[in-house]
Amino acid sequence: MKVLSAGPAARADRPATEILHDESSARIVAFHLQRGQKVKPHRSDSTVFVQVVSGGGWFAGENAREYLTAGVGAVYAPGELHSIDATETPLRFLAIITPRPGG
């Protein structure tokens, strides 16, 4: 068993990230966004599962935009353009990316 950290501390200058686990089959990344911070639109060659740990934010894919709160998750298909926006409250979420990018 590997115990994972609680994730990164908030940063004022940009969204904070921390890789919690990294192997060829999957990467787990913790995100901490302050109110008003965004993860800009981007694509991944992998499947990306996101799970909100605390707070809430707008999670956008190519065909939907939903406000997700703690306990709710979403999945982005490989190649799907996606972005995240913590407009109203701080947001902590995990991203599980499989297979690991570049792996």
PDB file of N, CA and C in Angstrom:
ATOM      1  N   MET A   1       0.837  -1.170   0.000  1.00  0.00           N
ATOM      2  CA  MET A   1       0.000   0.000   0.000  1.00  0.00           C
ATOM      3  C   MET A   1       0.883   1.233   0.000  1.00  0.00           C
ATOM      4  N   LYS A   2       0.433   2.241  -0.714  1.00  0.00           N
ATOM      5  CA  LYS A   2       1.120   3.523  -0.757  1.00  0.00           C
ATOM      6  C   LYS A   2       0.144   4.572  -0.225  1.00  0.00           C
ATOM      7  N   VAL A   3       0.551   5.304   0.794  1.00  0.00           N
ATOM      8  CA  VAL A   3      -0.281   6.366   1.351  1.00  0.00           C
ATOM      9  C   VAL A   3       0.002   7.636   0.563  1.00  0.00           C
ATOM     10  N   LEU A   4      -1.063   8.296   0.113  1.00  0.00           N
ATOM     11  CA  LEU A   4      -0.924   9.500  -0.697  1.00  0.00           C
ATOM     12  C   LEU A   4      -1.066  10.735   0.176  1.00  0.00           C
ATOM     13  N   SER A   5      -0.433  11.819  -0.239  1.00  0.00           N
ATOM     14  CA  SER A   5      -0.518  13.063   0.521  1.00  0.00           C
ATOM     15  C   SER A   5      -1.912  13.670   0.380  1.00  0.00           C
ATOM     16  N   ALA A   6      -2.180  14.694   1.168  1.00  0.00           N
ATOM     17  CA  ALA A   6      -3.466  15.392   1.116  1.00  0.00           C
ATOM     18  C   ALA A   6      -3.544  16.344  -0.065  1.00  0.00           C
ATOM     19  N   GLY A   7      -2.460  16.493  -0.790  1.00  0.00           N
ATOM     20  CA  GLY A   7      -2.469  17.372  -1.954  1.00  0.00           C
ATOM     21  C   GLY A   7      -1.760  18.681  -1.679  1.00  0.00           C
ATOM     22  N   PRO A   8      -1.678  19.512  -2.704  1.00  0.00           N
ATOM     23  CA  PRO A   8      -0.881  20.731  -2.603  1.00  0.00           C
ATOM     24  C   PRO A   8      -1.585  21.844  -1.828  1.00  0.00           C
ATOM     25  N   ALA A   9      -0.770  22.739  -1.283  1.00  0.00           N
ATOM     26  CA  ALA A   9      -1.299  23.962  -0.678  1.00  0.00           C
ATOM     27  C   ALA A   9      -1.687  24.917  -1.800  1.00  0.00           C
ATOM     28  N   ALA A  10      -2.610  25.797  -1.524  1.00  0.00           N
ATOM     29  CA  ALA A  10      -3.059  26.766  -2.519  1.00  0.00           C
ATOM     30  C   ALA A  10      -1.926  27.707  -2.899  1.00  0.00           C
ATOM     31  N   ARG A  11      -1.982  28.191  -4.125  1.00  0.00           N
ATOM     32  CA  ARG A  11      -1.036  29.194  -4.617  1.00  0.00           C
ATOM     33  C   ARG A  11      -1.831  30.369  -5.150  1.00  0.00           C
ATOM     34  N   ALA A  12      -1.351  31.571  -4.912  1.00  0.00           N
ATOM     35  CA  ALA A  12      -2.048  32.762  -5.383  1.00  0.00           C
ATOM     36  C   ALA A  12      -1.810  33.015  -6.865  1.00  0.00           C
ATOM     37  N   ASP A  13      -0.668  32.564  -7.393  1.00  0.00           N
ATOM     38  CA  ASP A  13      -0.287  32.893  -8.759  1.00  0.00           C
ATOM     39  C   ASP A  13      -0.836  31.953  -9.825  1.00  0.00           C
ATOM     40  N   ARG A  14      -1.226  30.733  -9.425  1.00  0.00           N
ATOM     41  CA  ARG A  14      -1.733  29.760 -10.405  1.00  0.00           C
ATOM     42  C   ARG A  14      -2.341  28.578  -9.668  1.00  0.00           C
ATOM     43  N   PRO A  15      -3.104  27.732 -10.382  1.00  0.00           N
ATOM     44  CA  PRO A  15      -3.605  26.519  -9.736  1.00  0.00           C
ATOM     45  C   PRO A  15      -2.440  25.663  -9.239  1.00  0.00           C
ATOM     46  N   ALA A  16      -2.588  25.113  -8.058  1.00  0.00           N
ATOM     47  CA  ALA A  16      -1.545  24.260  -7.480  1.00  0.00           C
ATOM     48  C   ALA A  16      -1.817  22.808  -7.868  1.00  0.00           C
ATOM     49  N   THR A  17      -0.757  22.076  -8.202  1.00  0.00           N
ATOM     50  CA  THR A  17      -0.885  20.668  -8.550  1.00  0.00           C
ATOM     51  C   THR A  17       0.208  19.869  -7.856  1.00  0.00           C
ATOM     52  N   GLU A  18      -0.106  18.600  -7.640  1.00  0.00           N
ATOM     53  CA  GLU A  18       0.883  17.680  -7.089  1.00  0.00           C
ATOM     54  C   GLU A  18       0.594  16.291  -7.644  1.00  0.00           C
ATOM     55  N   ILE A  19       1.617  15.660  -8.221  1.00  0.00           N
ATOM     56  CA  ILE A  19       1.472  14.278  -8.681  1.00  0.00           C
ATOM     57  C   ILE A  19       1.548  13.388  -7.444  1.00  0.00           C
ATOM     58  N   LEU A  20       0.452  12.667  -7.176  1.00  0.00           N
ATOM     59  CA  LEU A  20       0.386  11.798  -6.002  1.00  0.00           C
ATOM     60  C   LEU A  20       0.879  10.389  -6.293  1.00  0.00           C
ATOM     61  N   HIS A  21       0.712   9.975  -7.546  1.00  0.00           N
ATOM     62  CA  HIS A  21       1.115   8.617  -7.938  1.00  0.00           C
ATOM     63  C   HIS A  21       1.393   8.635  -9.427  1.00  0.00           C
ATOM     64  N   ASP A  22       2.427   7.913  -9.840  1.00  0.00           N
ATOM     65  CA  ASP A  22       2.798   7.916 -11.251  1.00  0.00           C
ATOM     66  C   ASP A  22       3.407   6.573 -11.630  1.00  0.00           C
ATOM     67  N   GLU A  23       2.748   5.867 -12.537  1.00  0.00           N
ATOM     68  CA  GLU A  23       3.259   4.619 -13.092  1.00  0.00           C
ATOM     69  C   GLU A  23       2.738   4.513 -14.512  1.00  0.00           C
ATOM     70  N   SER A  24       3.182   3.537 -15.255  1.00  0.00           N
ATOM     71  CA  SER A  24       2.819   3.472 -16.672  1.00  0.00           C
ATOM     72  C   SER A  24       1.321   3.329 -16.913  1.00  0.00           C
ATOM     73  N   SER A  25       0.602   2.697 -15.996  1.00  0.00           N
ATOM     74  CA  SER A  25      -0.826   2.478 -16.215  1.00  0.00           C
ATOM     75  C   SER A  25      -1.703   3.644 -15.771  1.00  0.00           C
ATOM     76  N   ALA A  26      -1.200   4.514 -14.885  1.00  0.00           N
ATOM     77  CA  ALA A  26      -2.038   5.618 -14.390  1.00  0.00           C
ATOM     78  C   ALA A  26      -1.205   6.677 -13.689  1.00  0.00           C
ATOM     79  N   ARG A  27      -1.709   7.890 -13.750  1.00  0.00           N
ATOM     80  CA  ARG A  27      -1.142   9.011 -12.991  1.00  0.00           C
ATOM     81  C   ARG A  27      -2.294   9.624 -12.196  1.00  0.00           C
ATOM     82  N   ILE A  28      -2.043   9.939 -10.927  1.00  0.00           N
ATOM     83  CA  ILE A  28      -3.042  10.610 -10.084  1.00  0.00           C
ATOM     84  C   ILE A  28      -2.479  11.971  -9.702  1.00  0.00           C
ATOM     85  N   VAL A  29      -3.232  13.022 -10.030  1.00  0.00           N
ATOM     86  CA  VAL A  29      -2.800  14.387  -9.771  1.00  0.00           C
ATOM     87  C   VAL A  29      -3.836  15.082  -8.899  1.00  0.00           C
ATOM     88  N   ALA A  30      -3.376  15.732  -7.818  1.00  0.00           N
ATOM     89  CA  ALA A  30      -4.246  16.532  -6.964  1.00  0.00           C
ATOM     90  C   ALA A  30      -4.158  17.986  -7.412  1.00  0.00           C
ATOM     91  N   PHE A  31      -5.301  18.643  -7.478  1.00  0.00           N
ATOM     92  CA  PHE A  31      -5.390  20.051  -7.861  1.00  0.00           C
ATOM     93  C   PHE A  31      -6.003  20.844  -6.726  1.00  0.00           C
ATOM     94  N   HIS A  32      -5.539  22.081  -6.555  1.00  0.00           N
ATOM     95  CA  HIS A  32      -6.126  23.015  -5.588  1.00  0.00           C
ATOM     96  C   HIS A  32      -6.208  24.367  -6.289  1.00  0.00           C
ATOM     97  N   LEU A  33      -7.436  24.777  -6.605  1.00  0.00           N
ATOM     98  CA  LEU A  33      -7.663  26.046  -7.270  1.00  0.00           C
ATOM     99  C   LEU A  33      -8.320  27.011  -6.297  1.00  0.00           C
ATOM    100  N   GLN A  34      -7.820  28.218  -6.254  1.00  0.00           N
ATOM    101  CA  GLN A  34      -8.457  29.270  -5.487  1.00  0.00           C
ATOM    102  C   GLN A  34      -9.588  29.861  -6.321  1.00  0.00           C
ATOM    103  N   ARG A  35     -10.481  30.563  -5.677  1.00  0.00           N
ATOM    104  CA  ARG A  35     -11.597  31.210  -6.386  1.00  0.00           C
ATOM    105  C   ARG A  35     -11.039  32.068  -7.522  1.00  0.00           C
ATOM    106  N   GLY A  36     -11.585  31.879  -8.706  1.00  0.00           N
ATOM    107  CA  GLY A  36     -11.170  32.637  -9.879  1.00  0.00           C
ATOM    108  C   GLY A  36     -10.069  31.982 -10.703  1.00  0.00           C
ATOM    109  N   GLN A  37      -9.441  30.918 -10.202  1.00  0.00           N
ATOM    110  CA  GLN A  37      -8.400  30.246 -10.972  1.00  0.00           C
ATOM    111  C   GLN A  37      -9.001  29.228 -11.929  1.00  0.00           C
ATOM    112  N   LYS A  38      -8.270  28.962 -13.006  1.00  0.00           N
ATOM    113  CA  LYS A  38      -8.760  28.067 -14.052  1.00  0.00           C
ATOM    114  C   LYS A  38      -7.673  27.115 -14.527  1.00  0.00           C
ATOM    115  N   VAL A  39      -8.098  25.960 -14.969  1.00  0.00           N
ATOM    116  CA  VAL A  39      -7.255  25.072 -15.760  1.00  0.00           C
ATOM    117  C   VAL A  39      -7.706  25.311 -17.194  1.00  0.00           C
ATOM    118  N   LYS A  40      -6.821  25.877 -17.989  1.00  0.00           N
ATOM    119  CA  LYS A  40      -7.173  26.272 -19.351  1.00  0.00           C
ATOM    120  C   LYS A  40      -7.552  25.066 -20.205  1.00  0.00           C
ATOM    121  N   PRO A  41      -8.338  25.287 -21.257  1.00  0.00           N
ATOM    122  CA  PRO A  41      -8.729  24.191 -22.146  1.00  0.00           C
ATOM    123  C   PRO A  41      -7.510  23.459 -22.703  1.00  0.00           C
ATOM    124  N   HIS A  42      -7.587  22.139 -22.648  1.00  0.00           N
ATOM    125  CA  HIS A  42      -6.504  21.297 -23.140  1.00  0.00           C
ATOM    126  C   HIS A  42      -7.050  19.912 -23.470  1.00  0.00           C
ATOM    127  N   ARG A  43      -6.235  19.109 -24.099  1.00  0.00           N
ATOM    128  CA  ARG A  43      -6.601  17.738 -24.462  1.00  0.00           C
ATOM    129  C   ARG A  43      -5.582  16.774 -23.876  1.00  0.00           C
ATOM    130  N   SER A  44      -6.007  15.552 -23.647  1.00  0.00           N
ATOM    131  CA  SER A  44      -5.125  14.477 -23.216  1.00  0.00           C
ATOM    132  C   SER A  44      -5.370  13.280 -24.115  1.00  0.00           C
ATOM    133  N   ASP A  45      -4.323  12.562 -24.430  1.00  0.00           N
ATOM    134  CA  ASP A  45      -4.478  11.329 -25.220  1.00  0.00           C
ATOM    135  C   ASP A  45      -5.065  10.203 -24.381  1.00  0.00           C
ATOM    136  N   SER A  46      -5.157  10.420 -23.062  1.00  0.00           N
ATOM    137  CA  SER A  46      -5.636   9.408 -22.124  1.00  0.00           C
ATOM    138  C   SER A  46      -7.066   9.706 -21.679  1.00  0.00           C
ATOM    139  N   THR A  47      -7.693   8.737 -21.030  1.00  0.00           N
ATOM    140  CA  THR A  47      -8.957   8.966 -20.342  1.00  0.00           C
ATOM    141  C   THR A  47      -8.640   9.711 -19.053  1.00  0.00           C
ATOM    142  N   VAL A  48      -9.437  10.752 -18.751  1.00  0.00           N
ATOM    143  CA  VAL A  48      -9.217  11.548 -17.546  1.00  0.00           C
ATOM    144  C   VAL A  48     -10.486  11.500 -16.692  1.00  0.00           C
ATOM    145  N   PHE A  49     -10.362  10.919 -15.497  1.00  0.00           N
ATOM    146  CA  PHE A  49     -11.455  10.879 -14.527  1.00  0.00           C
ATOM    147  C   PHE A  49     -11.159  11.938 -13.478  1.00  0.00           C
ATOM    148  N   VAL A  50     -12.119  12.824 -13.205  1.00  0.00           N
ATOM    149  CA  VAL A  50     -11.948  13.840 -12.166  1.00  0.00           C
ATOM    150  C   VAL A  50     -12.961  13.597 -11.056  1.00  0.00           C
ATOM    151  N   GLN A  51     -12.533  13.807  -9.816  1.00  0.00           N
ATOM    152  CA  GLN A  51     -13.387  13.623  -8.641  1.00  0.00           C
ATOM    153  C   GLN A  51     -13.187  14.825  -7.724  1.00  0.00           C
ATOM    154  N   VAL A  52     -14.271  15.555  -7.456  1.00  0.00           N
ATOM    155  CA  VAL A  52     -14.186  16.726  -6.582  1.00  0.00           C
ATOM    156  C   VAL A  52     -14.074  16.251  -5.137  1.00  0.00           C
ATOM    157  N   VAL A  53     -13.065  16.769  -4.435  1.00  0.00           N
ATOM    158  CA  VAL A  53     -12.824  16.434  -3.037  1.00  0.00           C
ATOM    159  C   VAL A  53     -13.482  17.464  -2.126  1.00  0.00           C
ATOM    160  N   SER A  54     -13.353  18.755  -2.465  1.00  0.00           N
ATOM    161  CA  SER A  54     -14.002  19.808  -1.686  1.00  0.00           C
ATOM    162  C   SER A  54     -14.256  21.024  -2.558  1.00  0.00           C
ATOM    163  N   GLY A  55     -15.218  21.817  -2.148  1.00  0.00           N
ATOM    164  CA  GLY A  55     -15.578  23.005  -2.913  1.00  0.00           C
ATOM    165  C   GLY A  55     -16.401  22.647  -4.134  1.00  0.00           C
ATOM    166  N   GLY A  56     -16.294  23.473  -5.146  1.00  0.00           N
ATOM    167  CA  GLY A  56     -17.046  23.249  -6.366  1.00  0.00           C
ATOM    168  C   GLY A  56     -16.456  24.051  -7.500  1.00  0.00           C
ATOM    169  N   GLY A  57     -16.789  23.650  -8.719  1.00  0.00           N
ATOM    170  CA  GLY A  57     -16.293  24.373  -9.883  1.00  0.00           C
ATOM    171  C   GLY A  57     -16.966  23.914 -11.152  1.00  0.00           C
ATOM    172  N   TRP A  58     -16.738  24.680 -12.197  1.00  0.00           N
ATOM    173  CA  TRP A  58     -17.280  24.369 -13.517  1.00  0.00           C
ATOM    174  C   TRP A  58     -16.305  23.464 -14.264  1.00  0.00           C
ATOM    175  N   PHE A  59     -16.797  22.313 -14.668  1.00  0.00           N
ATOM    176  CA  PHE A  59     -16.025  21.341 -15.436  1.00  0.00           C
ATOM    177  C   PHE A  59     -16.651  21.294 -16.824  1.00  0.00           C
ATOM    178  N   ALA A  60     -15.862  21.640 -17.829  1.00  0.00           N
ATOM    179  CA  ALA A  60     -16.383  21.704 -19.191  1.00  0.00           C
ATOM    180  C   ALA A  60     -15.707  20.663 -20.060  1.00  0.00           C
ATOM    181  N   GLY A  61     -16.516  20.031 -20.894  1.00  0.00           N
ATOM    182  CA  GLY A  61     -16.032  19.132 -21.928  1.00  0.00           C
ATOM    183  C   GLY A  61     -16.486  19.689 -23.265  1.00  0.00           C
ATOM    184  N   GLU A  62     -16.358  18.906 -24.303  1.00  0.00           N
ATOM    185  CA  GLU A  62     -16.738  19.401 -25.625  1.00  0.00           C
ATOM    186  C   GLU A  62     -18.244  19.563 -25.775  1.00  0.00           C
ATOM    187  N   ASN A  63     -19.037  18.763 -25.059  1.00  0.00           N
ATOM    188  CA  ASN A  63     -20.487  18.803 -25.243  1.00  0.00           C
ATOM    189  C   ASN A  63     -21.270  19.145 -23.988  1.00  0.00           C
ATOM    190  N   ALA A  64     -20.589  19.489 -22.902  1.00  0.00           N
ATOM    191  CA  ALA A  64     -21.305  19.779 -21.657  1.00  0.00           C
ATOM    192  C   ALA A  64     -20.444  20.654 -20.759  1.00  0.00           C
ATOM    193  N   ARG A  65     -21.124  21.390 -19.894  1.00  0.00           N
ATOM    194  CA  ARG A  65     -20.470  22.190 -18.853  1.00  0.00           C
ATOM    195  C   ARG A  65     -21.332  22.038 -17.613  1.00  0.00           C
ATOM    196  N   GLU A  66     -20.737  21.495 -16.545  1.00  0.00           N
ATOM    197  CA  GLU A  66     -21.491  21.211 -15.324  1.00  0.00           C
ATOM    198  C   GLU A  66     -20.768  21.763 -14.105  1.00  0.00           C
ATOM    199  N   TYR A  67     -21.537  22.233 -13.136  1.00  0.00           N
ATOM    200  CA  TYR A  67     -20.970  22.662 -11.857  1.00  0.00           C
ATOM    201  C   TYR A  67     -20.942  21.434 -10.957  1.00  0.00           C
ATOM    202  N   LEU A  68     -19.740  20.965 -10.597  1.00  0.00           N
ATOM    203  CA  LEU A  68     -19.579  19.772  -9.781  1.00  0.00           C
ATOM    204  C   LEU A  68     -19.131  20.169  -8.378  1.00  0.00           C
ATOM    205  N   THR A  69     -19.637  19.445  -7.380  1.00  0.00           N
ATOM    206  CA  THR A  69     -19.293  19.693  -5.981  1.00  0.00           C
ATOM    207  C   THR A  69     -18.733  18.417  -5.361  1.00  0.00           C
ATOM    208  N   ALA A  70     -18.292  18.530  -4.114  1.00  0.00           N
ATOM    209  CA  ALA A  70     -17.653  17.408  -3.414  1.00  0.00           C
ATOM    210  C   ALA A  70     -18.457  16.126  -3.555  1.00  0.00           C
ATOM    211  N   GLY A  71     -17.749  15.055  -3.891  1.00  0.00           N
ATOM    212  CA  GLY A  71     -18.365  13.746  -4.036  1.00  0.00           C
ATOM    213  C   GLY A  71     -18.812  13.426  -5.450  1.00  0.00           C
ATOM    214  N   VAL A  72     -18.741  14.400  -6.355  1.00  0.00           N
ATOM    215  CA  VAL A  72     -19.196  14.198  -7.732  1.00  0.00           C
ATOM    216  C   VAL A  72     -17.978  14.179  -8.649  1.00  0.00           C
ATOM    217  N   GLY A  73     -18.044  13.345  -9.679  1.00  0.00           N
ATOM    218  CA  GLY A  73     -16.947  13.240 -10.622  1.00  0.00           C
ATOM    219  C   GLY A  73     -17.443  13.270 -12.057  1.00  0.00           C
ATOM    220  N   ALA A  74     -16.496  13.263 -12.976  1.00  0.00           N
ATOM    221  CA  ALA A  74     -16.808  13.243 -14.404  1.00  0.00           C
ATOM    222  C   ALA A  74     -15.661  12.537 -15.127  1.00  0.00           C
ATOM    223  N   VAL A  75     -15.919  12.111 -16.355  1.00  0.00           N
ATOM    224  CA  VAL A  75     -14.901  11.443 -17.163  1.00  0.00           C
ATOM    225  C   VAL A  75     -14.806  12.148 -18.514  1.00  0.00           C
ATOM    226  N   TYR A  76     -13.562  12.428 -18.919  1.00  0.00           N
ATOM    227  CA  TYR A  76     -13.293  12.988 -20.239  1.00  0.00           C
ATOM    228  C   TYR A  76     -12.683  11.888 -21.104  1.00  0.00           C
ATOM    229  N   ALA A  77     -13.207  11.752 -22.308  1.00  0.00           N
ATOM    230  CA  ALA A  77     -12.705  10.748 -23.249  1.00  0.00           C
ATOM    231  C   ALA A  77     -11.334  11.159 -23.782  1.00  0.00           C
ATOM    232  N   PRO A  78     -10.538  10.194 -24.222  1.00  0.00           N
ATOM    233  CA  PRO A  78      -9.257  10.548 -24.831  1.00  0.00           C
ATOM    234  C   PRO A  78      -9.459  11.553 -25.962  1.00  0.00           C
ATOM    235  N   GLY A  79      -8.647  12.610 -25.969  1.00  0.00           N
ATOM    236  CA  GLY A  79      -8.724  13.630 -27.008  1.00  0.00           C
ATOM    237  C   GLY A  79      -9.775  14.698 -26.787  1.00  0.00           C
ATOM    238  N   GLU A  80     -10.612  14.549 -25.759  1.00  0.00           N
ATOM    239  CA  GLU A  80     -11.684  15.524 -25.527  1.00  0.00           C
ATOM    240  C   GLU A  80     -11.124  16.818 -24.932  1.00  0.00           C
ATOM    241  N   LEU A  81     -11.493  17.942 -25.529  1.00  0.00           N
ATOM    242  CA  LEU A  81     -11.097  19.240 -25.004  1.00  0.00           C
ATOM    243  C   LEU A  81     -11.828  19.462 -23.683  1.00  0.00           C
ATOM    244  N   HIS A  82     -11.087  19.844 -22.628  1.00  0.00           N
ATOM    245  CA  HIS A  82     -11.714  20.056 -21.329  1.00  0.00           C
ATOM    246  C   HIS A  82     -11.012  21.165 -20.554  1.00  0.00           C
ATOM    247  N   SER A  83     -11.769  21.770 -19.624  1.00  0.00           N
ATOM    248  CA  SER A  83     -11.244  22.848 -18.789  1.00  0.00           C
ATOM    249  C   SER A  83     -11.983  22.838 -17.458  1.00  0.00           C
ATOM    250  N   ILE A  84     -11.395  23.507 -16.457  1.00  0.00           N
ATOM    251  CA  ILE A  84     -11.977  23.569 -15.112  1.00  0.00           C
ATOM    252  C   ILE A  84     -11.858  24.997 -14.628  1.00  0.00           C
ATOM    253  N   ASP A  85     -12.906  25.482 -13.941  1.00  0.00           N
ATOM    254  CA  ASP A  85     -12.967  26.876 -13.514  1.00  0.00           C
ATOM    255  C   ASP A  85     -13.554  26.962 -12.110  1.00  0.00           C
ATOM    256  N   ALA A  86     -12.781  27.488 -11.176  1.00  0.00           N
ATOM    257  CA  ALA A  86     -13.243  27.673  -9.784  1.00  0.00           C
ATOM    258  C   ALA A  86     -13.735  29.110  -9.630  1.00  0.00           C
ATOM    259  N   THR A  87     -14.846  29.438 -10.237  1.00  0.00           N
ATOM    260  CA  THR A  87     -15.321  30.820 -10.256  1.00  0.00           C
ATOM    261  C   THR A  87     -15.885  31.289  -8.922  1.00  0.00           C
ATOM    262  N   GLU A  88     -16.519  30.399  -8.170  1.00  0.00           N
ATOM    263  CA  GLU A  88     -17.292  30.829  -7.004  1.00  0.00           C
ATOM    264  C   GLU A  88     -16.703  30.427  -5.663  1.00  0.00           C
ATOM    265  N   THR A  89     -15.875  29.409  -5.628  1.00  0.00           N
ATOM    266  CA  THR A  89     -15.368  28.887  -4.364  1.00  0.00           C
ATOM    267  C   THR A  89     -14.040  28.180  -4.611  1.00  0.00           C
ATOM    268  N   PRO A  90     -13.175  28.054  -3.623  1.00  0.00           N
ATOM    269  CA  PRO A  90     -11.983  27.226  -3.812  1.00  0.00           C
ATOM    270  C   PRO A  90     -12.394  25.800  -4.196  1.00  0.00           C
ATOM    271  N   LEU A  91     -11.522  25.123  -4.899  1.00  0.00           N
ATOM    272  CA  LEU A  91     -11.838  23.800  -5.447  1.00  0.00           C
ATOM    273  C   LEU A  91     -10.641  22.881  -5.291  1.00  0.00           C
ATOM    274  N   ARG A  92     -10.889  21.697  -4.727  1.00  0.00           N
ATOM    275  CA  ARG A  92      -9.889  20.627  -4.683  1.00  0.00           C
ATOM    276  C   ARG A  92     -10.478  19.441  -5.439  1.00  0.00           C
ATOM    277  N   PHE A  93      -9.679  18.881  -6.356  1.00  0.00           N
ATOM    278  CA  PHE A  93     -10.137  17.689  -7.058  1.00  0.00           C
ATOM    279  C   PHE A  93      -8.944  16.822  -7.423  1.00  0.00           C
ATOM    280  N   LEU A  94      -9.235  15.561  -7.673  1.00  0.00           N
ATOM    281  CA  LEU A  94      -8.244  14.607  -8.136  1.00  0.00           C
ATOM    282  C   LEU A  94      -8.493  14.316  -9.606  1.00  0.00           C
ATOM    283  N   ALA A  95      -7.419  14.146 -10.350  1.00  0.00           N
ATOM    284  CA  ALA A  95      -7.510  13.694 -11.732  1.00  0.00           C
ATOM    285  C   ALA A  95      -6.763  12.368 -11.829  1.00  0.00           C
ATOM    286  N   ILE A  96      -7.460  11.355 -12.304  1.00  0.00           N
ATOM    287  CA  ILE A  96      -6.853  10.048 -12.534  1.00  0.00           C
ATOM    288  C   ILE A  96      -6.756   9.900 -14.045  1.00  0.00           C
ATOM    289  N   ILE A  97      -5.534   9.793 -14.540  1.00  0.00           N
ATOM    290  CA  ILE A  97      -5.270   9.804 -15.966  1.00  0.00           C
ATOM    291  C   ILE A  97      -4.714   8.435 -16.333  1.00  0.00           C
ATOM    292  N   THR A  98      -5.437   7.748 -17.254  1.00  0.00           N
ATOM    293  CA  THR A  98      -5.035   6.395 -17.596  1.00  0.00           C
ATOM    294  C   THR A  98      -5.165   6.156 -19.106  1.00  0.00           C
ATOM    295  N   PRO A  99      -4.155   5.603 -19.746  1.00  0.00           N
ATOM    296  CA  PRO A  99      -2.836   5.363 -19.192  1.00  0.00           C
ATOM    297  C   PRO A  99      -2.098   6.677 -18.978  1.00  0.00           C
ATOM    298  N   ARG A 100      -1.001   6.613 -18.249  1.00  0.00           N
ATOM    299  CA  ARG A 100      -0.215   7.819 -17.951  1.00  0.00           C
ATOM    300  C   ARG A 100       0.211   8.470 -19.263  1.00  0.00           C
ATOM    301  N   PRO A 101       0.100   9.799 -19.345  1.00  0.00           N
ATOM    302  CA  PRO A 101       0.563  10.489 -20.547  1.00  0.00           C
ATOM    303  C   PRO A 101       2.031  10.190 -20.825  1.00  0.00           C
ATOM    304  N   GLY A 102       2.331   9.935 -22.069  1.00  0.00           N
ATOM    305  CA  GLY A 102       3.700   9.644 -22.450  1.00  0.00           C
ATOM    306  C   GLY A 102       4.169   8.255 -22.061  1.00  0.00           C
ATOM    307  N   GLY A 103       3.251   7.458 -21.474  1.00  0.00           N
ATOM    308  CA  GLY A 103       3.633   6.133 -20.991  1.00  0.00           C
ATOM    309  C   GLY A 103       3.465   5.117 -22.008  1.00  0.00           C
TER     310      GLY A 103
END
